[in-house]
Amino acid sequence: MACQCVPAVVSVTTYDIAAGRGLFRARGQVVKFMGYRKVLSPVSKSDDTELPAVKERDALDRLDLFETQHFTQPPPRYNQASLVKALEKEGIGRPSTYNTIISTIQKRGYVLEEKGRFSATPVAKVVTDLLVQAFPKVMNLKFTSHFEEELDEIETGKCQYREVLDEFWGPFSEALKAAGEGLAPVREIIEGEKCPKCNGQLERRYTPKTGNYFIGCVNWKDKENPCRYKRDSEGKEILGPEVTDIVCPACGKFMVKKEGRFGVFFTCEGAPDCPTTMNLRADGTRAVTALPTQVTCPKCEKQKLLLKESKAGKKYVQCPDAKCKFIADSDDQGNPITPPDTGIACEKCGSPMVVKVAWRGPFLSCSGYPKCRNAKSINAELREQLKARGIELPAPPPKAEKGAGPDVPQVEITEKCPQCDGPMMLKPSRFGGGYFLSCKKYPKCKGTAKVTPELQEKINAAAKAPAEAAS
């Protein structure tokens, strides 16, 4: 019956009630016309409280009186959608540049995206303060939107581009010159603490490489006795390059131990003349990741090829010239291996298709890579066609068990995920040189954490146990 009735008419009303020195407020709905409510009462919890119909200056009887407390909440952090809306509202950028703006602030380490929201890094706050101090006019939102309008007027012919450029470049060039002369490096001297190596002053410095700060000695520029002491924002000392007793397999010089973002690696003491590099595997052994050969690049015929090893342990050669981009599978001596003729041509560019192997197994890839990136899977028909030409397909790499990767020591993980407070698991770094902690709820939660020194001791002990048992 209710669905055949006409809609109800209600008025969302707020009553302000004066009683002596107090002012009380009641919010709710005043029904103007019952409609379907005659036969069906509303059951939704979202409906407001129904208020009686009253007129101004009516005398009211107090039925109940209660208090409520409200706290002012900070505005939510920007996500990609809300940031684009804010740019549109302020007249900054264009739809074609929004993606570039968002990718740039992430690439330069100005923001971190956590749970879909952006948070500013320490280096971003420092850079913003310096820009506002040195270029207050340019950093004004109205200036940016005004300049965007003038660019549109140049397009329609209302303004001349020289006039717009003169209006901008005159004040900006003076501010740029003053900033170059007056802005000092952002370094903060730490009072009450001395360098443990040279007893000098320590200072806090910011780096865009990690988007964070580190603490270093002020004597790092001393010509006679420079001090290279540094530690990161978490208090861990950053070890500088250290010459080891490991002999370079190419030139006979010693290898230099370095620590990067993805762990420990080794470079030749004779770099850049000798490009030999090594990485640490998950089990602690060293792997030569780049070794110069005596084979000349067949494409550019200028450079000697570099013998490299992929993360899966596969050998390949690559031209050191970035413009050449030659890359091919190779034998242990660095000689390029010509892939067998599959008899299949690329549908896009006509180049021969070759067999490649990925973590999912073999597939067909265009030999014109990277200019042509065409690839396709090998079905039963193609498999028979390749078998008829005498091409044996390699077996896919063995799959690792879910949770921990291959060769991961079985240790107890007590650390919690920094994002969801859930359990974590140990995973080997795909860049070599160690492990990291990953949330077990991945990919729903992408929380990660570094291995603590206590956990590293457990990992080392667990890795030594099989070797001692074997010996």
Protein backbone atom coordinates (compact mmCIF):
# COMPACT_ATOMS: atom_id res chain seq x y z
CA MET A 1 0.00 0.00 0.00
CA ALA A 2 2.86 2.41 0.85
CA CYS A 3 4.37 2.13 -2.64
CA GLN A 4 1.08 3.33 -4.10
CA CYS A 5 0.89 6.38 -1.84
CA VAL A 6 2.26 9.84 -2.68
CA PRO A 7 5.61 10.87 -1.11
CA ALA A 8 5.74 12.47 2.29
CA VAL A 9 6.71 16.12 2.60
CA VAL A 10 9.13 16.93 5.45
CA SER A 11 11.05 20.04 6.32
CA VAL A 12 14.58 19.72 7.75
CA THR A 13 14.43 22.25 10.55
CA THR A 14 16.68 23.69 13.26
CA TYR A 15 15.05 25.27 16.32
CA ASP A 16 16.99 27.82 18.41
CA ILE A 17 15.32 28.00 21.85
CA ALA A 18 16.08 30.87 24.23
CA ALA A 19 15.75 30.13 27.96
CA GLY A 20 17.16 32.84 30.19
CA ARG A 21 20.85 33.29 29.41
CA GLY A 22 21.03 29.97 27.59
CA LEU A 23 20.52 29.24 23.91
CA PHE A 24 19.59 25.63 23.09
CA ARG A 25 19.34 23.99 19.71
CA ALA A 26 17.24 21.12 18.39
CA ARG A 27 17.63 19.65 14.89
CA GLY A 28 15.19 17.35 13.15
CA GLN A 29 12.33 17.02 10.67
CA VAL A 30 8.92 18.64 10.74
CA VAL A 31 6.34 16.65 8.78
CA LYS A 32 4.29 18.89 6.48
CA PHE A 33 2.35 16.08 4.77
CA MET A 34 2.19 12.46 5.96
CA GLY A 35 1.84 10.75 2.55
CA TYR A 36 2.99 7.10 2.66
CA ARG A 37 3.78 7.49 6.37
CA LYS A 38 0.09 7.04 7.09
CA VAL A 39 0.48 3.31 6.38
CA LEU A 40 4.27 2.74 6.81
CA SER A 41 6.47 4.32 9.47
CA PRO A 42 10.08 5.12 8.41
CA VAL A 43 12.53 2.44 9.55
CA SER A 44 15.83 3.98 8.35
CA LYS A 45 18.29 4.87 11.11
CA SER A 46 19.46 7.85 9.10
CA ASP A 47 16.17 9.68 9.47
CA ASP A 48 16.38 12.76 11.67
CA THR A 49 14.41 13.14 14.88
CA GLU A 50 10.84 14.24 14.24
CA LEU A 51 10.07 17.63 15.77
CA PRO A 52 6.66 19.08 16.54
CA ALA A 53 5.43 22.01 14.50
CA VAL A 54 5.90 25.24 16.49
CA LYS A 55 5.81 28.92 15.68
CA GLU A 56 8.11 31.75 16.65
CA ARG A 57 7.69 33.02 20.28
CA ASP A 58 5.70 29.91 21.33
CA ALA A 59 6.16 28.91 24.97
CA LEU A 60 7.71 25.42 25.12
CA ASP A 61 7.78 22.75 27.82
CA ARG A 62 11.20 21.17 28.37
CA LEU A 63 10.96 17.40 27.87
CA ASP A 64 14.68 16.56 27.94
CA LEU A 65 18.05 18.30 27.94
CA PHE A 66 21.42 16.69 27.10
CA GLU A 67 24.84 17.91 26.05
CA THR A 68 27.11 16.75 23.20
CA GLN A 69 30.83 17.35 22.68
CA HIS A 70 32.43 17.83 19.26
CA PHE A 71 36.11 18.01 18.35
CA THR A 72 37.46 19.88 15.37
CA GLN A 73 39.09 17.41 12.99
CA PRO A 74 42.05 18.41 10.79
CA PRO A 75 41.37 18.37 7.06
CA PRO A 76 42.21 15.02 5.44
CA ARG A 77 45.50 14.67 3.57
CA TYR A 78 45.42 14.96 -0.20
CA ASN A 79 45.08 11.91 -2.39
CA GLN A 80 45.54 12.02 -6.15
CA ALA A 81 41.89 12.89 -6.86
CA SER A 82 41.57 15.61 -4.20
CA LEU A 83 44.92 17.13 -5.23
CA VAL A 84 43.74 17.41 -8.83
CA LYS A 85 40.51 19.06 -7.62
CA ALA A 86 42.53 21.56 -5.58
CA LEU A 87 44.69 22.37 -8.62
CA GLU A 88 41.58 22.88 -10.74
CA LYS A 89 40.02 25.13 -8.10
CA GLU A 90 43.12 27.33 -7.90
CA GLY A 91 43.53 27.43 -11.68
CA ILE A 92 46.95 25.78 -11.60
CA GLY A 93 48.04 23.45 -14.36
CA ARG A 94 46.05 21.77 -17.07
CA PRO A 95 44.53 18.28 -17.41
CA SER A 96 47.53 17.35 -19.55
CA THR A 97 49.99 18.38 -16.80
CA TYR A 98 48.27 17.01 -13.67
CA ASN A 99 49.86 13.58 -14.08
CA THR A 100 53.30 15.17 -14.55
CA ILE A 101 52.88 17.29 -11.41
CA ILE A 102 51.92 14.29 -9.26
CA SER A 103 54.69 12.06 -10.64
CA THR A 104 57.32 14.81 -10.19
CA ILE A 105 56.65 15.41 -6.50
CA GLN A 106 56.85 11.65 -5.92
CA LYS A 107 59.99 11.14 -8.02
CA ARG A 108 61.86 13.93 -6.23
CA GLY A 109 60.96 12.56 -2.82
CA TYR A 110 58.75 15.50 -1.78
CA VAL A 111 55.79 13.31 -0.82
CA LEU A 112 55.19 9.74 0.30
CA GLU A 113 51.96 7.93 -0.57
CA GLU A 114 50.70 5.85 2.33
CA LYS A 115 47.26 4.23 2.29
CA GLY A 116 46.33 6.33 -0.74
CA ARG A 117 47.19 9.65 0.95
CA PHE A 118 50.15 11.98 0.41
CA SER A 119 52.33 13.11 3.31
CA ALA A 120 55.11 15.68 2.94
CA THR A 121 58.69 14.56 3.60
CA PRO A 122 61.14 16.64 5.70
CA VAL A 123 63.08 17.71 2.62
CA ALA A 124 59.83 18.95 1.00
CA LYS A 125 59.11 21.19 3.98
CA VAL A 126 62.64 22.62 3.85
CA VAL A 127 62.44 23.25 0.09
CA THR A 128 59.02 24.89 0.43
CA ASP A 129 60.23 27.23 3.18
CA LEU A 130 63.24 28.26 1.07
CA LEU A 131 61.13 28.87 -2.03
CA VAL A 132 58.59 30.98 -0.11
CA GLN A 133 61.45 32.95 1.43
CA ALA A 134 63.28 33.57 -1.86
CA PHE A 135 60.37 33.74 -4.33
CA PRO A 136 57.26 34.92 -2.47
CA LYS A 137 55.58 36.25 -5.62
CA VAL A 138 56.16 33.14 -7.73
CA MET A 139 55.01 30.83 -4.91
CA ASN A 140 51.73 32.77 -4.60
CA LEU A 141 48.80 30.75 -5.96
CA LYS A 142 47.26 33.87 -7.52
CA PHE A 143 50.45 34.52 -9.49
CA THR A 144 50.40 31.01 -10.94
CA SER A 145 46.73 31.18 -11.94
CA HIS A 146 47.26 34.69 -13.37
CA PHE A 147 50.16 33.42 -15.49
CA GLU A 148 48.00 30.53 -16.72
CA GLU A 149 45.34 33.03 -17.82
CA GLU A 150 47.94 35.09 -19.69
CA LEU A 151 49.14 31.96 -21.51
CA ASP A 152 45.55 31.40 -22.66
CA GLU A 153 45.35 35.03 -23.82
CA ILE A 154 48.56 34.56 -25.82
CA GLU A 155 46.90 31.61 -27.55
CA THR A 156 43.81 33.69 -28.42
CA GLY A 157 45.91 36.69 -29.51
CA LYS A 158 44.85 39.09 -26.74
CA CYS A 159 48.41 39.31 -25.34
CA GLN A 160 51.88 39.34 -26.88
CA TYR A 161 54.21 36.68 -25.55
CA ARG A 162 57.15 39.10 -25.24
CA GLU A 163 55.17 41.37 -22.89
CA VAL A 164 54.20 38.41 -20.70
CA LEU A 165 57.78 37.13 -20.57
CA ASP A 166 59.14 40.59 -19.72
CA GLU A 167 56.58 40.93 -16.94
CA PHE A 168 57.72 37.62 -15.46
CA TRP A 169 61.47 37.59 -16.14
CA GLY A 170 62.33 41.04 -14.80
CA PRO A 171 61.37 40.50 -11.13
CA PHE A 172 62.19 36.79 -11.26
CA SER A 173 65.78 37.27 -12.48
CA GLU A 174 66.45 39.72 -9.64
CA ALA A 175 64.95 37.33 -7.07
CA LEU A 176 66.98 34.47 -8.55
CA LYS A 177 70.22 36.43 -8.26
CA ALA A 178 69.43 37.45 -4.68
CA ALA A 179 68.62 33.83 -3.76
CA GLY A 180 71.91 32.60 -5.20
CA GLU A 181 73.84 35.11 -3.13
CA GLY A 182 71.79 35.24 0.07
CA LEU A 183 70.42 31.75 0.70
CA ALA A 184 72.72 29.67 2.85
CA PRO A 185 72.76 25.84 2.79
CA VAL A 186 70.15 24.32 5.07
CA ARG A 187 72.30 22.87 7.83
CA GLU A 188 71.52 22.78 11.49
CA ILE A 189 74.33 22.45 14.03
CA ILE A 190 73.51 19.85 16.72
CA GLU A 191 74.37 21.27 20.11
CA GLY A 192 75.73 19.10 22.91
CA GLU A 193 77.03 16.28 20.70
CA LYS A 194 80.43 15.76 19.08
CA CYS A 195 81.62 13.61 16.21
CA PRO A 196 82.80 10.23 17.62
CA LYS A 197 85.68 10.10 15.11
CA CYS A 198 87.24 13.58 15.16
CA ASN A 199 85.38 15.31 18.04
CA GLY A 200 84.12 17.96 15.63
CA GLN A 201 80.67 19.55 15.39
CA LEU A 202 77.76 17.53 13.98
CA GLU A 203 75.16 19.03 11.66
CA ARG A 204 71.84 17.94 10.23
CA ARG A 205 71.63 17.97 6.44
CA TYR A 206 68.79 17.23 4.06
CA THR A 207 69.12 15.15 0.91
CA PRO A 208 66.62 14.73 -1.96
CA LYS A 209 68.02 11.24 -2.62
CA THR A 210 66.04 9.74 0.25
CA GLY A 211 63.67 12.65 0.97
CA ASN A 212 64.96 12.76 4.55
CA TYR A 213 67.82 14.11 6.59
CA PHE A 214 71.09 12.66 7.82
CA ILE A 215 73.65 13.78 10.39
CA GLY A 216 77.27 14.32 9.39
CA CYS A 217 80.49 15.88 10.61
CA VAL A 218 81.23 19.50 9.65
CA ASN A 219 84.85 18.55 8.85
CA TRP A 220 83.89 16.58 5.75
CA LYS A 221 85.39 19.32 3.54
CA ASP A 222 88.68 19.55 5.43
CA LYS A 223 91.44 19.26 2.80
CA GLU A 224 94.11 17.91 5.14
CA ASN A 225 92.09 15.47 7.30
CA PRO A 226 88.47 15.09 6.07
CA CYS A 227 86.02 13.29 8.35
CA ARG A 228 83.40 11.14 6.59
CA TYR A 229 81.30 10.25 9.63
CA LYS A 230 77.57 10.09 8.80
CA ARG A 231 74.45 8.47 10.23
CA ASP A 232 70.91 8.29 8.94
CA SER A 233 67.73 9.66 10.54
CA GLU A 234 67.30 6.41 12.49
CA GLY A 235 70.74 6.71 14.11
CA LYS A 236 72.50 4.00 12.07
CA GLU A 237 76.01 4.91 10.93
CA ILE A 238 76.41 5.19 7.15
CA LEU A 239 79.65 3.47 6.27
CA GLY A 240 81.72 5.09 3.55
CA PRO A 241 83.66 3.29 0.79
CA GLU A 242 86.08 0.70 2.18
CA VAL A 243 88.90 -0.91 0.21
CA THR A 244 88.78 -4.70 0.73
CA ASP A 245 91.22 -7.54 0.06
CA ILE A 246 88.96 -8.90 -2.72
CA VAL A 247 90.88 -8.93 -6.00
CA CYS A 248 89.13 -7.65 -9.12
CA PRO A 249 88.81 -10.56 -11.62
CA ALA A 250 89.35 -8.19 -14.55
CA CYS A 251 92.31 -5.91 -13.69
CA GLY A 252 93.76 -7.34 -10.47
CA LYS A 253 93.10 -4.28 -8.32
CA PHE A 254 91.15 -4.42 -5.07
CA MET A 255 87.38 -4.12 -4.85
CA VAL A 256 85.82 -1.25 -2.89
CA LYS A 257 82.93 -2.07 -0.56
CA LYS A 258 80.05 0.41 -0.67
CA GLU A 259 76.59 0.59 0.84
CA GLY A 260 73.68 1.84 -1.23
CA ARG A 261 69.94 2.04 -0.91
CA PHE A 262 69.55 -1.67 -1.68
CA GLY A 263 72.40 -3.08 0.36
CA VAL A 264 76.13 -3.76 0.07
CA PHE A 265 77.87 -3.86 -3.32
CA PHE A 266 81.45 -3.73 -4.61
CA THR A 267 83.08 -1.65 -7.33
CA CYS A 268 86.60 -1.87 -8.71
CA GLU A 269 89.26 0.43 -7.29
CA GLY A 270 90.13 1.31 -10.88
CA ALA A 271 86.64 2.63 -11.75
CA PRO A 272 85.57 4.13 -14.12
CA ASP A 273 88.34 2.58 -16.27
CA CYS A 274 87.36 -0.86 -14.92
CA PRO A 275 83.54 -1.26 -14.67
CA THR A 276 83.60 -4.51 -12.67
CA THR A 277 80.90 -4.72 -9.98
CA MET A 278 79.78 -7.34 -7.47
CA ASN A 279 76.68 -7.85 -5.34
CA LEU A 280 76.03 -9.90 -2.24
CA ARG A 281 73.62 -12.81 -2.67
CA ALA A 282 71.01 -13.64 -0.04
CA ASP A 283 73.26 -16.39 1.35
CA GLY A 284 76.19 -13.96 1.80
CA THR A 285 78.26 -15.08 -1.21
CA ARG A 286 79.45 -12.62 -3.85
CA ALA A 287 78.19 -12.55 -7.43
CA VAL A 288 79.98 -10.73 -10.26
CA THR A 289 77.24 -8.58 -11.79
CA ALA A 290 79.35 -6.74 -14.41
CA LEU A 291 82.64 -7.91 -15.96
CA PRO A 292 84.42 -6.37 -18.99
CA THR A 293 85.06 -8.75 -21.90
CA GLN A 294 87.26 -8.67 -24.99
CA VAL A 295 84.27 -9.00 -27.31
CA THR A 296 83.45 -5.91 -29.38
CA CYS A 297 79.82 -4.85 -29.57
CA PRO A 298 78.44 -6.13 -32.91
CA LYS A 299 76.02 -3.22 -33.16
CA CYS A 300 78.12 -0.07 -32.60
CA GLU A 301 81.52 -1.78 -33.10
CA LYS A 302 83.12 0.68 -30.65
CA GLN A 303 82.74 -0.55 -27.07
CA LYS A 304 83.74 -3.80 -25.37
CA LEU A 305 80.75 -5.74 -24.10
CA LEU A 306 80.03 -6.17 -20.38
CA LEU A 307 79.23 -9.66 -19.10
CA LYS A 308 76.40 -9.42 -16.57
CA GLU A 309 74.31 -11.74 -14.46
CA SER A 310 70.59 -11.31 -13.92
CA LYS A 311 68.83 -11.80 -10.59
CA ALA A 312 67.83 -15.29 -11.75
CA GLY A 313 71.52 -16.17 -12.39
CA LYS A 314 71.32 -15.94 -16.20
CA LYS A 315 74.37 -14.66 -18.14
CA TYR A 316 74.00 -11.91 -20.72
CA VAL A 317 76.11 -9.20 -22.36
CA GLN A 318 75.30 -5.53 -22.74
CA CYS A 319 76.98 -2.60 -24.46
CA PRO A 320 78.18 0.03 -21.94
CA ASP A 321 77.14 2.79 -24.38
CA ALA A 322 73.65 3.88 -23.33
CA LYS A 323 72.87 5.04 -26.86
CA CYS A 324 73.70 1.65 -28.39
CA LYS A 325 71.31 -0.41 -26.21
CA PHE A 326 72.69 -3.75 -27.46
CA ILE A 327 71.83 -6.67 -25.18
CA ALA A 328 71.93 -10.43 -25.81
CA ASP A 329 72.25 -13.78 -24.04
CA SER A 330 75.81 -15.04 -23.78
CA ASP A 331 78.05 -17.88 -22.71
CA ASP A 332 80.45 -17.74 -19.75
CA GLN A 333 83.15 -16.05 -21.88
CA GLY A 334 80.89 -13.17 -22.93
CA ASN A 335 80.25 -14.27 -26.51
CA PRO A 336 76.73 -13.32 -27.65
CA ILE A 337 74.51 -16.32 -28.36
CA THR A 338 72.44 -16.05 -31.50
CA PRO A 339 68.91 -17.23 -30.71
CA PRO A 340 67.57 -20.06 -32.90
CA ASP A 341 65.34 -19.14 -35.81
CA THR A 342 61.72 -19.70 -34.80
CA GLY A 343 60.34 -19.01 -38.27
CA ILE A 344 57.79 -16.63 -36.74
CA ALA A 345 57.72 -12.95 -37.73
CA CYS A 346 56.54 -10.08 -35.54
CA GLU A 347 53.05 -8.87 -36.50
CA LYS A 348 54.01 -5.24 -35.79
CA CYS A 349 57.44 -4.70 -37.36
CA GLY A 350 58.21 -7.92 -39.26
CA SER A 351 61.35 -8.75 -37.23
CA PRO A 352 61.96 -12.38 -36.23
CA MET A 353 60.45 -13.50 -32.95
CA VAL A 354 62.81 -15.16 -30.45
CA VAL A 355 62.25 -17.32 -27.37
CA LYS A 356 62.70 -15.58 -24.01
CA VAL A 357 62.24 -16.90 -20.49
CA ALA A 358 60.50 -14.99 -17.68
CA TRP A 359 59.46 -16.04 -14.19
CA ARG A 360 56.24 -17.45 -15.64
CA GLY A 361 58.06 -19.50 -18.25
CA PRO A 362 59.13 -19.18 -21.95
CA PHE A 363 57.44 -16.72 -24.30
CA LEU A 364 58.00 -15.16 -27.73
CA SER A 365 59.49 -11.67 -27.90
CA CYS A 366 60.33 -9.43 -30.85
CA SER A 367 64.06 -9.31 -31.68
CA GLY A 368 63.66 -5.59 -32.38
CA TYR A 369 63.32 -4.83 -28.64
CA PRO A 370 63.36 -2.12 -27.24
CA LYS A 371 62.06 -0.33 -30.36
CA CYS A 372 59.36 -2.96 -30.72
CA ARG A 373 57.97 -4.43 -27.51
CA ASN A 374 55.65 -7.00 -29.05
CA ALA A 375 55.42 -10.27 -27.13
CA LYS A 376 53.03 -13.20 -26.94
CA SER A 377 52.62 -16.41 -24.98
CA ILE A 378 53.40 -19.84 -26.43
CA ASN A 379 50.26 -21.95 -26.88
CA ALA A 380 50.07 -25.63 -27.84
CA GLU A 381 50.13 -24.89 -31.59
CA LEU A 382 53.23 -22.70 -31.33
CA ARG A 383 54.88 -25.25 -29.06
CA GLU A 384 54.47 -27.96 -31.71
CA GLN A 385 55.70 -25.58 -34.42
CA LEU A 386 58.86 -24.79 -32.44
CA LYS A 387 59.40 -28.47 -31.64
CA ALA A 388 59.24 -29.29 -35.37
CA ARG A 389 62.11 -26.82 -35.94
CA GLY A 390 64.19 -28.53 -33.26
CA ILE A 391 63.79 -25.81 -30.63
CA GLU A 392 63.53 -27.15 -27.10
CA LEU A 393 61.73 -24.76 -24.79
CA PRO A 394 63.45 -24.18 -21.43
CA ALA A 395 61.57 -25.12 -18.30
CA PRO A 396 60.08 -22.25 -16.25
CA PRO A 397 61.96 -21.22 -13.10
CA PRO A 398 60.86 -23.13 -9.97
CA LYS A 399 58.13 -21.38 -8.06
CA ALA A 400 58.87 -20.26 -4.55
CA GLU A 401 56.58 -21.21 -1.71
CA LYS A 402 54.00 -18.62 -0.73
CA GLY A 403 55.23 -16.37 2.06
CA ALA A 404 58.99 -16.64 2.11
CA GLY A 405 61.11 -16.65 -1.03
CA PRO A 406 63.79 -19.23 -1.92
CA ASP A 407 66.75 -19.66 0.43
CA VAL A 408 65.08 -17.60 3.15
CA PRO A 409 66.19 -18.65 6.64
CA GLN A 410 63.38 -19.81 8.89
CA VAL A 411 63.47 -17.36 11.80
CA GLU A 412 60.80 -16.07 14.14
CA ILE A 413 59.46 -12.65 13.15
CA THR A 414 58.00 -10.64 16.03
CA GLU A 415 57.89 -7.25 14.31
CA LYS A 416 54.49 -5.84 13.35
CA CYS A 417 53.53 -4.11 10.11
CA PRO A 418 53.92 -0.31 10.46
CA GLN A 419 50.74 0.26 8.42
CA CYS A 420 48.19 -2.34 9.56
CA ASP A 421 49.91 -3.72 12.69
CA GLY A 422 49.65 -7.22 11.21
CA PRO A 423 52.26 -10.01 11.07
CA MET A 424 55.27 -9.68 8.78
CA MET A 425 57.48 -12.13 6.89
CA LEU A 426 61.09 -12.19 5.72
CA LYS A 427 61.80 -11.69 2.03
CA PRO A 428 65.08 -11.49 0.08
CA SER A 429 65.84 -8.18 -1.59
CA ARG A 430 65.52 -8.42 -5.35
CA PHE A 431 68.55 -6.17 -5.60
CA GLY A 432 70.70 -8.62 -3.64
CA GLY A 433 72.61 -8.08 -0.46
CA GLY A 434 70.13 -9.00 2.23
CA TYR A 435 66.52 -9.20 3.34
CA PHE A 436 63.62 -6.97 4.27
CA LEU A 437 60.32 -7.39 6.12
CA SER A 438 57.05 -7.40 4.20
CA CYS A 439 53.47 -7.54 5.43
CA LYS A 440 51.82 -10.97 5.11
CA LYS A 441 48.67 -9.27 3.80
CA TYR A 442 50.47 -8.13 0.63
CA PRO A 443 49.19 -6.94 -1.87
CA LYS A 444 46.27 -5.62 0.22
CA CYS A 445 48.79 -4.04 2.58
CA LYS A 446 52.15 -2.94 1.19
CA GLY A 447 53.84 -2.21 4.48
CA THR A 448 57.59 -2.90 4.65
CA ALA A 449 60.32 -2.48 7.25
CA LYS A 450 64.08 -2.87 7.56
CA VAL A 451 65.71 -5.81 9.28
CA THR A 452 66.77 -4.90 12.82
CA PRO A 453 70.28 -5.77 14.07
CA GLU A 454 68.82 -8.38 16.46
CA LEU A 455 66.90 -10.05 13.63
CA GLN A 456 70.00 -9.94 11.40
CA GLU A 457 71.91 -11.93 14.02
CA LYS A 458 69.17 -14.59 13.95
CA ILE A 459 69.32 -14.67 10.13
CA ASN A 460 73.10 -15.10 10.15
CA ALA A 461 72.84 -17.91 12.70
CA ALA A 462 70.11 -19.68 10.70
CA ALA A 463 72.13 -19.33 7.45
CA LYS A 464 75.26 -20.84 9.07
CA ALA A 465 73.41 -23.85 10.53
CA PRO A 466 72.92 -25.78 7.21
CA ALA A 467 76.53 -25.12 6.16
CA GLU A 468 77.90 -26.41 9.48
CA ALA A 469 75.64 -29.47 9.29
CA ALA A 470 76.85 -30.22 5.76
CA SER A 471 80.50 -29.92 6.75
